[in-house]
Amino acid sequence: MPLKRETRSAIDRWLMSHQAPDAKQLGQATAQTTGDNDRVMTQIRGLQNLAFTTQRFSDLEESIWGRMGRDTKKTSIWWQPIQPAQGAPGEMGHLLLDALHGIRNHLDSRHDPGEERVRARIYAARLWIRRFVASYLYHRNL
């Protein structure tokens, strides 16, 4: 069953507000920090593909945690230090996880438990990741 129109509209408005994690800013900071690195682009596009193929919000979080744990800090893009224009600096993986946790916490406080909340989480994560990837690709190719 698809997500209700009112729920989608509320999520869209929240993601555009200043209370939501800033996908565009994180995408820009990631592009400026990592430069023109094809390996980074492949990993970020892989995250976007996962977001649009999975049905579970937790799969996104587990994927990032798994990639951070599998790779060493010297070779992994997920441990790359990122300095956003606003907010605290951190590793790329942790900043993405913080954004996903922010989305989860906001939706959990607004929706009743059940199927609607589960669909709302993945819908919001897909939109947020789409904005993050678009910002990253745009600023990477400037």
Protein backbone atom coordinates (compact mmCIF):
# COMPACT_ATOMS: atom_id res chain seq x y z
CA MET A 1 0.00 0.00 0.00
CA PRO A 2 1.49 3.36 -0.98
CA LEU A 3 2.17 6.16 1.46
CA LYS A 4 -0.66 8.65 1.98
CA ARG A 5 -0.41 11.93 0.08
CA GLU A 6 -0.60 13.95 3.32
CA THR A 7 2.28 11.96 4.79
CA ARG A 8 4.41 12.43 1.68
CA SER A 9 3.70 16.17 1.67
CA ALA A 10 4.60 16.48 5.35
CA ILE A 11 7.87 14.62 4.80
CA ASP A 12 8.70 16.76 1.75
CA ARG A 13 8.10 19.97 3.72
CA TRP A 14 10.17 18.74 6.67
CA LEU A 15 13.12 17.72 4.48
CA MET A 16 13.15 21.22 2.97
CA SER A 17 13.09 22.88 6.41
CA HIS A 18 16.07 23.89 8.53
CA GLN A 19 15.23 21.22 11.12
CA ALA A 20 16.08 18.37 8.76
CA PRO A 21 19.65 17.20 8.10
CA ASP A 22 21.09 19.27 5.24
CA ALA A 23 21.72 16.89 2.36
CA LYS A 24 22.92 19.58 -0.04
CA GLN A 25 25.51 20.92 2.36
CA LEU A 26 26.85 17.45 3.17
CA GLY A 27 27.02 16.58 -0.54
CA GLN A 28 28.95 19.77 -1.26
CA ALA A 29 31.37 19.20 1.64
CA THR A 30 31.92 15.61 0.53
CA ALA A 31 32.69 16.68 -3.04
CA GLN A 32 35.10 19.41 -1.89
CA THR A 33 36.90 17.06 0.48
CA THR A 34 37.18 13.99 -1.73
CA GLY A 35 37.74 15.76 -5.04
CA ASP A 36 37.45 13.94 -8.36
CA ASN A 37 37.77 10.42 -6.97
CA ASP A 38 35.93 7.75 -8.97
CA ARG A 39 36.05 5.29 -6.06
CA VAL A 40 34.14 7.71 -3.85
CA MET A 41 31.57 8.34 -6.57
CA THR A 42 31.04 4.58 -7.01
CA GLN A 43 30.45 4.08 -3.29
CA ILE A 44 28.02 7.00 -3.06
CA ARG A 45 26.09 5.85 -6.12
CA GLY A 46 25.98 2.37 -4.58
CA LEU A 47 24.35 3.86 -1.51
CA GLN A 48 21.76 5.55 -3.71
CA ASN A 49 21.05 2.29 -5.54
CA LEU A 50 20.63 0.50 -2.23
CA ALA A 51 18.21 3.17 -1.00
CA PHE A 52 15.97 2.68 -4.02
CA THR A 53 16.08 -1.12 -4.05
CA THR A 54 15.63 -1.91 -0.38
CA GLN A 55 12.36 -1.88 1.51
CA ARG A 56 13.94 -1.49 4.96
CA PHE A 57 15.36 1.70 6.42
CA SER A 58 17.68 -0.29 8.67
CA ASP A 59 19.38 -1.83 5.60
CA LEU A 60 20.79 1.62 4.79
CA GLU A 61 22.22 2.07 8.28
CA GLU A 62 23.58 -1.47 8.39
CA SER A 63 25.19 -1.06 4.97
CA ILE A 64 27.10 2.05 6.06
CA TRP A 65 28.13 0.42 9.35
CA GLY A 66 29.24 -2.69 7.46
CA ARG A 67 31.32 -0.72 4.99
CA MET A 68 32.93 1.26 7.80
CA GLY A 69 33.76 -1.92 9.68
CA ARG A 70 35.01 -3.86 6.69
CA ASP A 71 37.45 -1.26 5.40
CA THR A 72 40.40 0.13 7.27
CA LYS A 73 40.55 3.80 8.12
CA LYS A 74 43.40 4.28 5.65
CA THR A 75 41.54 2.97 2.60
CA SER A 76 37.84 3.54 3.28
CA ILE A 77 35.97 6.54 1.97
CA TRP A 78 33.51 6.13 4.84
CA TRP A 79 36.24 7.21 7.30
CA GLN A 80 37.12 10.27 5.20
CA PRO A 81 37.04 13.41 7.40
CA ILE A 82 34.43 15.89 6.15
CA GLN A 83 34.06 19.51 7.27
CA PRO A 84 30.53 20.76 6.55
CA ALA A 85 30.06 24.53 6.35
CA GLN A 86 27.77 24.33 9.37
CA GLY A 87 27.80 21.68 12.03
CA ALA A 88 30.48 19.52 13.51
CA PRO A 89 33.15 17.87 11.37
CA GLY A 90 33.30 14.11 11.27
CA GLU A 91 33.87 11.05 9.15
CA MET A 92 31.63 10.69 6.13
CA GLY A 93 30.05 7.46 7.40
CA HIS A 94 29.20 8.95 10.77
CA LEU A 95 27.75 12.10 9.23
CA LEU A 96 25.50 10.01 6.97
CA LEU A 97 24.45 7.84 9.90
CA ASP A 98 23.68 10.95 11.97
CA ALA A 99 21.46 12.24 9.16
CA LEU A 100 19.63 8.91 8.91
CA HIS A 101 19.17 8.83 12.70
CA GLY A 102 17.74 12.34 12.53
CA ILE A 103 15.25 11.21 9.91
CA ARG A 104 14.32 8.14 11.96
CA ASN A 105 13.87 10.12 15.18
CA HIS A 106 11.73 12.78 13.51
CA LEU A 107 9.42 10.26 11.87
CA ASP A 108 9.17 8.07 14.96
CA SER A 109 7.98 11.06 16.95
CA ARG A 110 5.35 11.98 14.34
CA HIS A 111 3.86 8.65 13.24
CA ASP A 112 2.10 5.83 14.99
CA PRO A 113 3.93 2.50 15.07
CA GLY A 114 3.18 0.26 12.18
CA GLU A 115 3.34 -0.05 8.45
CA GLU A 116 2.84 3.66 7.73
CA ARG A 117 5.89 4.64 9.79
CA VAL A 118 8.06 2.02 8.10
CA ARG A 119 7.08 3.29 4.65
CA ALA A 120 7.56 6.90 5.76
CA ARG A 121 11.12 6.17 6.92
CA ILE A 122 12.26 4.66 3.64
CA TYR A 123 10.46 7.37 1.63
CA ALA A 124 12.23 10.12 3.58
CA ALA A 125 15.60 8.35 3.36
CA ARG A 126 15.26 7.98 -0.40
CA LEU A 127 14.51 11.66 -0.86
CA TRP A 128 17.33 12.71 1.46
CA ILE A 129 19.88 10.42 -0.24
CA ARG A 130 18.74 11.60 -3.68
CA ARG A 131 19.43 15.22 -2.64
CA PHE A 132 22.78 14.27 -1.09
CA VAL A 133 23.94 12.41 -4.21
CA ALA A 134 22.72 15.16 -6.56
CA SER A 135 24.57 17.80 -4.55
CA TYR A 136 27.70 15.65 -4.42
CA LEU A 137 27.71 15.04 -8.18
CA TYR A 138 26.99 18.67 -9.00
CA HIS A 139 29.81 20.04 -6.83
CA ARG A 140 32.19 17.26 -7.90
CA ASN A 141 31.86 18.28 -11.53
CA LEU A 142 32.24 22.04 -11.08
